PDB file of N, CA and C in Angstrom:
ATOM      1  N   UNK A   1      11.176  14.711   1.175  1.00  0.00           N
ATOM      2  CA  UNK A   1      10.105  14.015   0.479  1.00  0.00           C
ATOM      3  C   UNK A   1       8.789  14.317   1.178  1.00  0.00           C
ATOM      4  N   UNK A   2       7.757  14.461   0.411  1.00  0.00           N
ATOM      5  CA  UNK A   2       6.428  14.783   0.925  1.00  0.00           C
ATOM      6  C   UNK A   2       5.898  13.605   1.741  1.00  0.00           C
ATOM      7  N   UNK A   3       5.433  13.872   2.971  1.00  0.00           N
ATOM      8  CA  UNK A   3       4.959  12.791   3.838  1.00  0.00           C
ATOM      9  C   UNK A   3       3.729  12.111   3.254  1.00  0.00           C
ATOM     10  N   UNK A   4       2.919  12.840   2.491  1.00  0.00           N
ATOM     11  CA  UNK A   4       1.756  12.231   1.842  1.00  0.00           C
ATOM     12  C   UNK A   4       2.171  11.185   0.826  1.00  0.00           C
ATOM     13  N   UNK A   5       3.255  11.462   0.089  1.00  0.00           N
ATOM     14  CA  UNK A   5       3.753  10.504  -0.898  1.00  0.00           C
ATOM     15  C   UNK A   5       4.313   9.268  -0.212  1.00  0.00           C
ATOM     16  N   UNK A   6       4.966   9.468   0.917  1.00  0.00           N
ATOM     17  CA  UNK A   6       5.528   8.335   1.662  1.00  0.00           C
ATOM     18  C   UNK A   6       4.407   7.420   2.146  1.00  0.00           C
ATOM     19  N   UNK A   7       3.360   8.017   2.724  1.00  0.00           N
ATOM     20  CA  UNK A   7       2.227   7.227   3.221  1.00  0.00           C
ATOM     21  C   UNK A   7       1.576   6.476   2.064  1.00  0.00           C
ATOM     22  N   UNK A   8       1.393   7.164   0.932  1.00  0.00           N
ATOM     23  CA  UNK A   8       0.785   6.530  -0.231  1.00  0.00           C
ATOM     24  C   UNK A   8       1.648   5.366  -0.727  1.00  0.00           C
ATOM     25  N   UNK A   9       2.963   5.547  -0.750  1.00  0.00           N
ATOM     26  CA  UNK A   9       3.872   4.489  -1.173  1.00  0.00           C
ATOM     27  C   UNK A   9       3.821   3.286  -0.254  1.00  0.00           C
ATOM     28  N   UNK A  10       3.776   3.559   1.048  1.00  0.00           N
ATOM     29  CA  UNK A  10       3.702   2.468   2.028  1.00  0.00           C
ATOM     30  C   UNK A  10       2.400   1.695   1.853  1.00  0.00           C
ATOM     31  N   UNK A  11       1.314   2.407   1.686  1.00  0.00           N
ATOM     32  CA  UNK A  11       0.015   1.741   1.506  1.00  0.00           C
ATOM     33  C   UNK A  11      -0.019   0.922   0.224  1.00  0.00           C
ATOM     34  N   UNK A  12       0.541   1.456  -0.845  1.00  0.00           N
ATOM     35  CA  UNK A  12       0.581   0.710  -2.104  1.00  0.00           C
ATOM     36  C   UNK A  12       1.409  -0.565  -1.944  1.00  0.00           C
ATOM     37  N   UNK A  13       2.523  -0.456  -1.247  1.00  0.00           N
ATOM     38  CA  UNK A  13       3.361  -1.634  -1.005  1.00  0.00           C
ATOM     39  C   UNK A  13       2.654  -2.680  -0.159  1.00  0.00           C
ATOM     40  N   UNK A  14       1.953  -2.219   0.859  1.00  0.00           N
ATOM     41  CA  UNK A  14       1.203  -3.143   1.706  1.00  0.00           C
ATOM     42  C   UNK A  14       0.101  -3.845   0.914  1.00  0.00           C
ATOM     43  N   UNK A  15      -0.602  -3.076   0.081  1.00  0.00           N
ATOM     44  CA  UNK A  15      -1.676  -3.653  -0.717  1.00  0.00           C
ATOM     45  C   UNK A  15      -1.129  -4.671  -1.714  1.00  0.00           C
ATOM     46  N   UNK A  16      -0.016  -4.350  -2.351  1.00  0.00           N
ATOM     47  CA  UNK A  16       0.588  -5.278  -3.313  1.00  0.00           C
ATOM     48  C   UNK A  16       1.047  -6.552  -2.608  1.00  0.00           C
ATOM     49  N   UNK A  17       1.656  -6.406  -1.455  1.00  0.00           N
ATOM     50  CA  UNK A  17       2.103  -7.591  -0.703  1.00  0.00           C
ATOM     51  C   UNK A  17       0.944  -8.454  -0.257  1.00  0.00           C
ATOM     52  N   UNK A  18      -0.122  -7.822   0.213  1.00  0.00           N
ATOM     53  CA  UNK A  18      -1.300  -8.580   0.641  1.00  0.00           C
ATOM     54  C   UNK A  18      -1.922  -9.318  -0.529  1.00  0.00           C
ATOM     55  N   UNK A  19      -2.004  -8.653  -1.673  1.00  0.00           N
ATOM     56  CA  UNK A  19      -2.588  -9.283  -2.862  1.00  0.00           C
ATOM     57  C   UNK A  19      -1.759 -10.486  -3.298  1.00  0.00           C
ATOM     58  N   UNK A  20      -0.454 -10.343  -3.329  1.00  0.00           N
ATOM     59  CA  UNK A  20       0.396 -11.471  -3.705  1.00  0.00           C
ATOM     60  C   UNK A  20       0.278 -12.616  -2.700  1.00  0.00           C
ATOM     61  N   UNK A  21       0.194 -12.264  -1.430  1.00  0.00           N
ATOM     62  CA  UNK A  21       0.027 -13.294  -0.405  1.00  0.00           C
ATOM     63  C   UNK A  21      -1.271 -14.053  -0.583  1.00  0.00           C
ATOM     64  N   UNK A  22      -2.311 -13.355  -0.924  1.00  0.00           N
ATOM     65  CA  UNK A  22      -3.619 -13.991  -1.133  1.00  0.00           C
ATOM     66  C   UNK A  22      -3.592 -14.896  -2.363  1.00  0.00           C
ATOM     67  N   UNK A  23      -2.987 -14.411  -3.426  1.00  0.00           N
ATOM     68  CA  UNK A  23      -2.965 -15.180  -4.673  1.00  0.00           C
ATOM     69  C   UNK A  23      -2.197 -16.497  -4.537  1.00  0.00           C
ATOM     70  N   UNK A  24      -1.172 -16.497  -3.730  1.00  0.00           N
ATOM     71  CA  UNK A  24      -0.336 -17.690  -3.615  1.00  0.00           C
ATOM     72  C   UNK A  24      -0.607 -18.525  -2.372  1.00  0.00           C
ATOM     73  N   UNK A  25      -1.599 -18.179  -1.607  1.00  0.00           N
ATOM     74  CA  UNK A  25      -1.899 -18.905  -0.375  1.00  0.00           C
ATOM     75  C   UNK A  25      -2.861 -20.067  -0.665  1.00  0.00           C
ATOM     76  N   UNK A  26      -2.488 -21.270  -0.267  1.00  0.00           N
ATOM     77  CA  UNK A  26      -3.365 -22.429  -0.499  1.00  0.00           C
ATOM     78  C   UNK A  26      -4.345 -22.626   0.663  1.00  0.00           C
ATOM     79  N   UNK A  27      -5.358 -21.782   0.740  1.00  0.00           N
ATOM     80  CA  UNK A  27      -6.327 -21.891   1.824  1.00  0.00           C
ATOM     81  C   UNK A  27      -7.742 -21.935   1.278  1.00  0.00           C
ATOM     82  N   UNK A  28      -8.643 -22.360   2.138  1.00  0.00           N
ATOM     83  CA  UNK A  28     -10.052 -22.415   1.813  1.00  0.00           C
ATOM     84  C   UNK A  28     -10.587 -20.995   1.594  1.00  0.00           C
ATOM     85  N   UNK A  29     -11.558 -20.821   0.712  1.00  0.00           N
ATOM     86  CA  UNK A  29     -12.103 -19.514   0.371  1.00  0.00           C
ATOM     87  C   UNK A  29     -12.650 -18.754   1.564  1.00  0.00           C
ATOM     88  N   UNK A  30     -13.406 -19.429   2.427  1.00  0.00           N
ATOM     89  CA  UNK A  30     -13.996 -18.731   3.577  1.00  0.00           C
ATOM     90  C   UNK A  30     -12.913 -18.255   4.541  1.00  0.00           C
ATOM     91  N   UNK A  31     -11.886 -19.072   4.723  1.00  0.00           N
ATOM     92  CA  UNK A  31     -10.774 -18.662   5.585  1.00  0.00           C
ATOM     93  C   UNK A  31     -10.033 -17.464   4.971  1.00  0.00           C
ATOM     94  N   UNK A  32      -9.874 -17.529   3.664  1.00  0.00           N
ATOM     95  CA  UNK A  32      -9.175 -16.451   2.981  1.00  0.00           C
ATOM     96  C   UNK A  32      -9.978 -15.149   3.083  1.00  0.00           C
ATOM     97  N   UNK A  33     -11.282 -15.225   2.926  1.00  0.00           N
ATOM     98  CA  UNK A  33     -12.114 -14.024   3.027  1.00  0.00           C
ATOM     99  C   UNK A  33     -12.027 -13.418   4.431  1.00  0.00           C
ATOM    100  N   UNK A  34     -11.995 -14.270   5.446  1.00  0.00           N
ATOM    101  CA  UNK A  34     -11.845 -13.765   6.816  1.00  0.00           C
ATOM    102  C   UNK A  34     -10.510 -13.055   6.989  1.00  0.00           C
ATOM    103  N   UNK A  35      -9.462 -13.661   6.435  1.00  0.00           N
ATOM    104  CA  UNK A  35      -8.143 -13.051   6.541  1.00  0.00           C
ATOM    105  C   UNK A  35      -8.095 -11.718   5.785  1.00  0.00           C
ATOM    106  N   UNK A  36      -8.713 -11.701   4.603  1.00  0.00           N
ATOM    107  CA  UNK A  36      -8.738 -10.465   3.815  1.00  0.00           C
ATOM    108  C   UNK A  36      -9.492  -9.384   4.585  1.00  0.00           C
ATOM    109  N   UNK A  37     -10.612  -9.759   5.159  1.00  0.00           N
ATOM    110  CA  UNK A  37     -11.409  -8.801   5.927  1.00  0.00           C
ATOM    111  C   UNK A  37     -10.614  -8.267   7.110  1.00  0.00           C
ATOM    112  N   UNK A  38      -9.941  -9.144   7.818  1.00  0.00           N
ATOM    113  CA  UNK A  38      -9.137  -8.752   8.981  1.00  0.00           C
ATOM    114  C   UNK A  38      -7.991  -7.834   8.556  1.00  0.00           C
ATOM    115  N   UNK A  39      -7.307  -8.208   7.488  1.00  0.00           N
ATOM    116  CA  UNK A  39      -6.197  -7.380   7.003  1.00  0.00           C
ATOM    117  C   UNK A  39      -6.709  -6.017   6.553  1.00  0.00           C
ATOM    118  N   UNK A  40      -7.851  -6.002   5.894  1.00  0.00           N
ATOM    119  CA  UNK A  40      -8.444  -4.738   5.463  1.00  0.00           C
ATOM    120  C   UNK A  40      -8.738  -3.835   6.647  1.00  0.00           C
ATOM    121  N   UNK A  41      -9.285  -4.411   7.699  1.00  0.00           N
ATOM    122  CA  UNK A  41      -9.557  -3.631   8.912  1.00  0.00           C
ATOM    123  C   UNK A  41      -8.260  -3.115   9.531  1.00  0.00           C
ATOM    124  N   UNK A  42      -7.250  -3.988   9.549  1.00  0.00           N
ATOM    125  CA  UNK A  42      -5.949  -3.579  10.101  1.00  0.00           C
ATOM    126  C   UNK A  42      -5.364  -2.415   9.297  1.00  0.00           C
ATOM    127  N   UNK A  43      -5.422  -2.527   7.980  1.00  0.00           N
ATOM    128  CA  UNK A  43      -4.880  -1.466   7.131  1.00  0.00           C
ATOM    129  C   UNK A  43      -5.691  -0.182   7.289  1.00  0.00           C
ATOM    130  N   UNK A  44      -6.994  -0.302   7.393  1.00  0.00           N
ATOM    131  CA  UNK A  44      -7.843   0.876   7.575  1.00  0.00           C
ATOM    132  C   UNK A  44      -7.503   1.565   8.899  1.00  0.00           C
ATOM    133  N   UNK A  45      -7.303   0.785   9.945  1.00  0.00           N
ATOM    134  CA  UNK A  45      -6.922   1.358  11.240  1.00  0.00           C
ATOM    135  C   UNK A  45      -5.567   2.050  11.150  1.00  0.00           C
ATOM    136  N   UNK A  46      -4.640   1.419  10.447  1.00  0.00           N
ATOM    137  CA  UNK A  46      -3.307   1.998  10.292  1.00  0.00           C
ATOM    138  C   UNK A  46      -3.367   3.306   9.497  1.00  0.00           C
ATOM    139  N   UNK A  47      -4.183   3.326   8.449  1.00  0.00           N
ATOM    140  CA  UNK A  47      -4.329   4.542   7.648  1.00  0.00           C
ATOM    141  C   UNK A  47      -4.955   5.649   8.490  1.00  0.00           C
ATOM    142  N   UNK A  48      -5.973   5.312   9.268  1.00  0.00           N
ATOM    143  CA  UNK A  48      -6.597   6.314  10.140  1.00  0.00           C
ATOM    144  C   UNK A  48      -5.579   6.880  11.121  1.00  0.00           C
ATOM    145  N   UNK A  49      -4.771   5.998  11.698  1.00  0.00           N
ATOM    146  CA  UNK A  49      -3.768   6.437  12.662  1.00  0.00           C
ATOM    147  C   UNK A  49      -2.747   7.361  12.004  1.00  0.00           C
ATOM    148  N   UNK A  50      -2.262   6.983  10.836  1.00  0.00           N
ATOM    149  CA  UNK A  50      -1.285   7.807  10.123  1.00  0.00           C
ATOM    150  C   UNK A  50      -1.905   9.145   9.721  1.00  0.00           C
ATOM    151  N   UNK A  51      -3.157   9.121   9.282  1.00  0.00           N
ATOM    152  CA  UNK A  51      -3.832  10.355   8.891  1.00  0.00           C
ATOM    153  C   UNK A  51      -3.995  11.277  10.094  1.00  0.00           C
ATOM    154  N   UNK A  52      -4.367  10.707  11.238  1.00  0.00           N
ATOM    155  CA  UNK A  52      -4.503  11.512  12.457  1.00  0.00           C
ATOM    156  C   UNK A  52      -3.164  12.105  12.883  1.00  0.00           C
ATOM    157  N   UNK A  53      -2.092  11.326  12.755  1.00  0.00           N
ATOM    158  CA  UNK A  53      -0.765  11.841  13.072  1.00  0.00           C
ATOM    159  C   UNK A  53      -0.411  12.993  12.129  1.00  0.00           C
ATOM    160  N   UNK A  54      -0.742  12.820  10.843  1.00  0.00           N
ATOM    161  CA  UNK A  54      -0.482  13.851   9.855  1.00  0.00           C
ATOM    162  C   UNK A  54      -1.248  15.128  10.199  1.00  0.00           C
ATOM    163  N   UNK A  55      -2.533  14.983  10.561  1.00  0.00           N
ATOM    164  CA  UNK A  55      -3.342  16.147  10.931  1.00  0.00           C
ATOM    165  C   UNK A  55      -2.804  16.826  12.177  1.00  0.00           C
ATOM    166  N   UNK A  56      -2.378  16.032  13.156  1.00  0.00           N
ATOM    167  CA  UNK A  56      -1.796  16.610  14.373  1.00  0.00           C
ATOM    168  C   UNK A  56      -0.538  17.403  14.043  1.00  0.00           C
ATOM    169  N   UNK A  57       0.292  16.857  13.176  1.00  0.00           N
ATOM    170  CA  UNK A  57       1.524  17.525  12.773  1.00  0.00           C
ATOM    171  C   UNK A  57       1.212  18.842  12.065  1.00  0.00           C
ATOM    172  N   UNK A  58       0.251  18.802  11.154  1.00  0.00           N
ATOM    173  CA  UNK A  58      -0.142  20.011  10.433  1.00  0.00           C
ATOM    174  C   UNK A  58      -0.713  21.043  11.412  1.00  0.00           C
ATOM    175  N   UNK A  59      -1.528  20.602  12.356  1.00  0.00           N
ATOM    176  CA  UNK A  59      -2.115  21.518  13.340  1.00  0.00           C
ATOM    177  C   UNK A  59      -1.033  22.181  14.181  1.00  0.00           C
ATOM    178  N   UNK A  60      -0.047  21.402  14.602  1.00  0.00           N
ATOM    179  CA  UNK A  60       1.042  21.961  15.394  1.00  0.00           C
ATOM    180  C   UNK A  60       1.829  22.986  14.591  1.00  0.00           C
ATOM    181  N   UNK A  61       2.100  22.673  13.335  1.00  0.00           N
ATOM    182  CA  UNK A  61       2.833  23.616  12.488  1.00  0.00           C
ATOM    183  C   UNK A  61       2.018  24.884  12.275  1.00  0.00           C
ATOM    184  N   UNK A  62       0.719  24.748  12.072  1.00  0.00           N
ATOM    185  CA  UNK A  62      -0.154  25.903  11.887  1.00  0.00           C
ATOM    186  C   UNK A  62      -0.114  26.801  13.123  1.00  0.00           C
ATOM    187  N   UNK A  63      -0.235  26.191  14.295  1.00  0.00           N
ATOM    188  CA  UNK A  63      -0.214  26.974  15.534  1.00  0.00           C
ATOM    189  C   UNK A  63       1.129  27.685  15.706  1.00  0.00           C
ATOM    190  N   UNK A  64       2.209  27.007  15.360  1.00  0.00           N
ATOM    191  CA  UNK A  64       3.540  27.607  15.474  1.00  0.00           C
ATOM    192  C   UNK A  64       3.655  28.813  14.540  1.00  0.00           C
ATOM    193  N   UNK A  65       3.210  28.654  13.317  1.00  0.00           N
ATOM    194  CA  UNK A  65       3.263  29.760  12.355  1.00  0.00           C
ATOM    195  C   UNK A  65       2.366  30.905  12.815  1.00  0.00           C
ATOM    196  N   UNK A  66       1.193  30.560  13.325  1.00  0.00           N
ATOM    197  CA  UNK A  66       0.259  31.578  13.820  1.00  0.00           C
ATOM    198  C   UNK A  66       0.897  32.390  14.944  1.00  0.00           C
ATOM    199  N   UNK A  67       1.588  31.714  15.856  1.00  0.00           N
ATOM    200  CA  UNK A  67       2.266  32.407  16.955  1.00  0.00           C
ATOM    201  C   UNK A  67       3.388  33.296  16.421  1.00  0.00           C
ATOM    202  N   UNK A  68       4.151  32.780  15.453  1.00  0.00           N
ATOM    203  CA  UNK A  68       5.238  33.569  14.874  1.00  0.00           C
ATOM    204  C   UNK A  68       4.697  34.825  14.197  1.00  0.00           C
ATOM    205  N   UNK A  69       3.614  34.686  13.459  1.00  0.00           N
ATOM    206  CA  UNK A  69       3.020  35.842  12.784  1.00  0.00           C
ATOM    207  C   UNK A  69       2.501  36.840  13.813  1.00  0.00           C
ATOM    208  N   UNK A  70       1.874  36.342  14.843  1.00  0.00           N
ATOM    209  CA  UNK A  70       1.366  37.218  15.894  1.00  0.00           C
ATOM    210  C   UNK A  70       2.507  37.991  16.550  1.00  0.00           C
ATOM    211  N   UNK A  71       3.603  37.305  16.831  1.00  0.00           N
ATOM    212  CA  UNK A  71       4.773  37.973  17.414  1.00  0.00           C
ATOM    213  C   UNK A  71       5.325  39.030  16.457  1.00  0.00           C
ATOM    214  N   UNK A  72       5.384  38.701  15.189  1.00  0.00           N
ATOM    215  CA  UNK A  72       5.881  39.636  14.184  1.00  0.00           C
ATOM    216  C   UNK A  72       4.996  40.879  14.117  1.00  0.00           C
ATOM    217  N   UNK A  73       3.689  40.677  14.138  1.00  0.00           N
ATOM    218  CA  UNK A  73       2.749  41.798  14.100  1.00  0.00           C
ATOM    219  C   UNK A  73       2.923  42.671  15.339  1.00  0.00           C
ATOM    220  N   UNK A  74       3.056  42.045  16.487  1.00  0.00           N
ATOM    221  CA  UNK A  74       3.264  42.815  17.718  1.00  0.00           C
ATOM    222  C   UNK A  74       4.544  43.645  17.651  1.00  0.00           C
ATOM    223  N   UNK A  75       5.607  43.067  17.133  1.00  0.00           N
ATOM    224  CA  UNK A  75       6.867  43.790  17.002  1.00  0.00           C
ATOM    225  C   UNK A  75       6.725  44.941  16.012  1.00  0.00           C
ATOM    226  N   UNK A  76       6.016  44.701  14.909  1.00  0.00           N
ATOM    227  CA  UNK A  76       5.809  45.748  13.910  1.00  0.00           C
ATOM    228  C   UNK A  76       4.995  46.901  14.496  1.00  0.00           C
ATOM    229  N   UNK A  77       3.963  46.582  15.267  1.00  0.00           N
ATOM    230  CA  UNK A  77       3.162  47.625  15.909  1.00  0.00           C
ATOM    231  C   UNK A  77       4.016  48.439  16.872  1.00  0.00           C
ATOM    232  N   UNK A  78       4.839  47.763  17.636  1.00  0.00           N
ATOM    233  CA  UNK A  78       5.708  48.438  18.596  1.00  0.00           C
ATOM    234  C   UNK A  78       6.681  49.373  17.878  1.00  0.00           C
ATOM    235  N   UNK A  79       7.262  48.906  16.786  1.00  0.00           N
ATOM    236  CA  UNK A  79       8.188  49.741  16.020  1.00  0.00           C
ATOM    237  C   UNK A  79       7.450  50.931  15.404  1.00  0.00           C
ATOM    238  N   UNK A  80       6.228  50.714  14.925  1.00  0.00           N
ATOM    239  CA  UNK A  80       5.440  51.804  14.346  1.00  0.00           C
ATOM    240  C   UNK A  80       5.152  52.861  15.403  1.00  0.00           C
ATOM    241  N   UNK A  81       4.826  52.429  16.604  1.00  0.00           N
ATOM    242  CA  UNK A  81       4.578  53.379  17.694  1.00  0.00           C
ATOM    243  C   UNK A  81       5.843  54.168  18.029  1.00  0.00           C
ATOM    244  N   UNK A  82       6.979  53.466  18.042  1.00  0.00           N
ATOM    245  CA  UNK A  82       8.250  54.152  18.308  1.00  0.00           C
ATOM    246  C   UNK A  82       8.537  55.200  17.234  1.00  0.00           C
ATOM    247  N   UNK A  83       8.267  54.865  15.989  1.00  0.00           N
ATOM    248  CA  UNK A  83       8.506  55.802  14.888  1.00  0.00           C
ATOM    249  C   UNK A  83       7.574  57.014  15.016  1.00  0.00           C
ATOM    250  N   UNK A  84       6.296  56.759  15.370  1.00  0.00           N
ATOM    251  CA  UNK A  84       5.354  57.859  15.570  1.00  0.00           C
ATOM    252  C   UNK A  84       5.860  58.799  16.660  1.00  0.00           C
ATOM    253  N   UNK A  85       6.343  58.229  17.748  1.00  0.00           N
ATOM    254  CA  UNK A  85       6.859  59.052  18.845  1.00  0.00           C
ATOM    255  C   UNK A  85       8.072  59.886  18.388  1.00  0.00           C
ATOM    256  N   UNK A  86       8.947  59.251  17.621  1.00  0.00           N
ATOM    257  CA  UNK A  86      10.127  59.948  17.132  1.00  0.00           C
ATOM    258  C   UNK A  86       9.736  61.088  16.190  1.00  0.00           C
ATOM    259  N   UNK A  87       8.723  60.844  15.330  1.00  0.00           N
ATOM    260  CA  UNK A  87       8.283  61.881  14.395  1.00  0.00           C
ATOM    261  C   UNK A  87       7.649  63.040  15.177  1.00  0.00           C
ATOM    262  N   UNK A  88       6.816  62.739  16.155  1.00  0.00           N
ATOM    263  CA  UNK A  88       6.201  63.795  16.968  1.00  0.00           C
ATOM    264  C   UNK A  88       7.263  64.595  17.708  1.00  0.00           C
ATOM    265  N   UNK A  89       8.272  63.899  18.235  1.00  0.00           N
ATOM    266  CA  UNK A  89       9.343  64.582  18.968  1.00  0.00           C
ATOM    267  C   UNK A  89      10.156  65.461  18.020  1.00  0.00           C
ATOM    268  N   UNK A  90      10.352  65.012  16.806  1.00  0.00           N
ATOM    269  CA  UNK A  90      11.128  65.790  15.845  1.00  0.00           C
ATOM    270  C   UNK A  90      10.357  67.020  15.369  1.00  0.00           C
ATOM    271  N   UNK A  91       9.044  66.963  15.330  1.00  0.00           N
ATOM    272  CA  UNK A  91       8.202  68.083  14.889  1.00  0.00           C
ATOM    273  C   UNK A  91       8.077  69.151  15.970  1.00  0.00           C
ATOM    274  N   UNK A  92       8.036  68.710  17.174  1.00  0.00           N
ATOM    275  CA  UNK A  92       7.698  69.729  18.118  1.00  0.00           C
ATOM    276  C   UNK A  92       8.422  69.733  19.361  1.00  0.00           C
TER     277      UNK A  92
END
């Protein structure tokens, strides 16, 4: 499953739960607004953290692929040089 879809699903679930909690909570408006503000900040921090983790994961995968491609290119160059040497040896 795509990690972006998982994060989106978790956030949607959190938002739905928070909304239901707010609708059914018997509290004063000012207290409720403070709680909503605090929860919003908490969720924003959590989203930032998850996004940063996602970016770190993508960066690590990119670097790994970059190294693999570099190794492949080096091996291909080495094989090409070997073939050139073999062709020169066969000609003369």
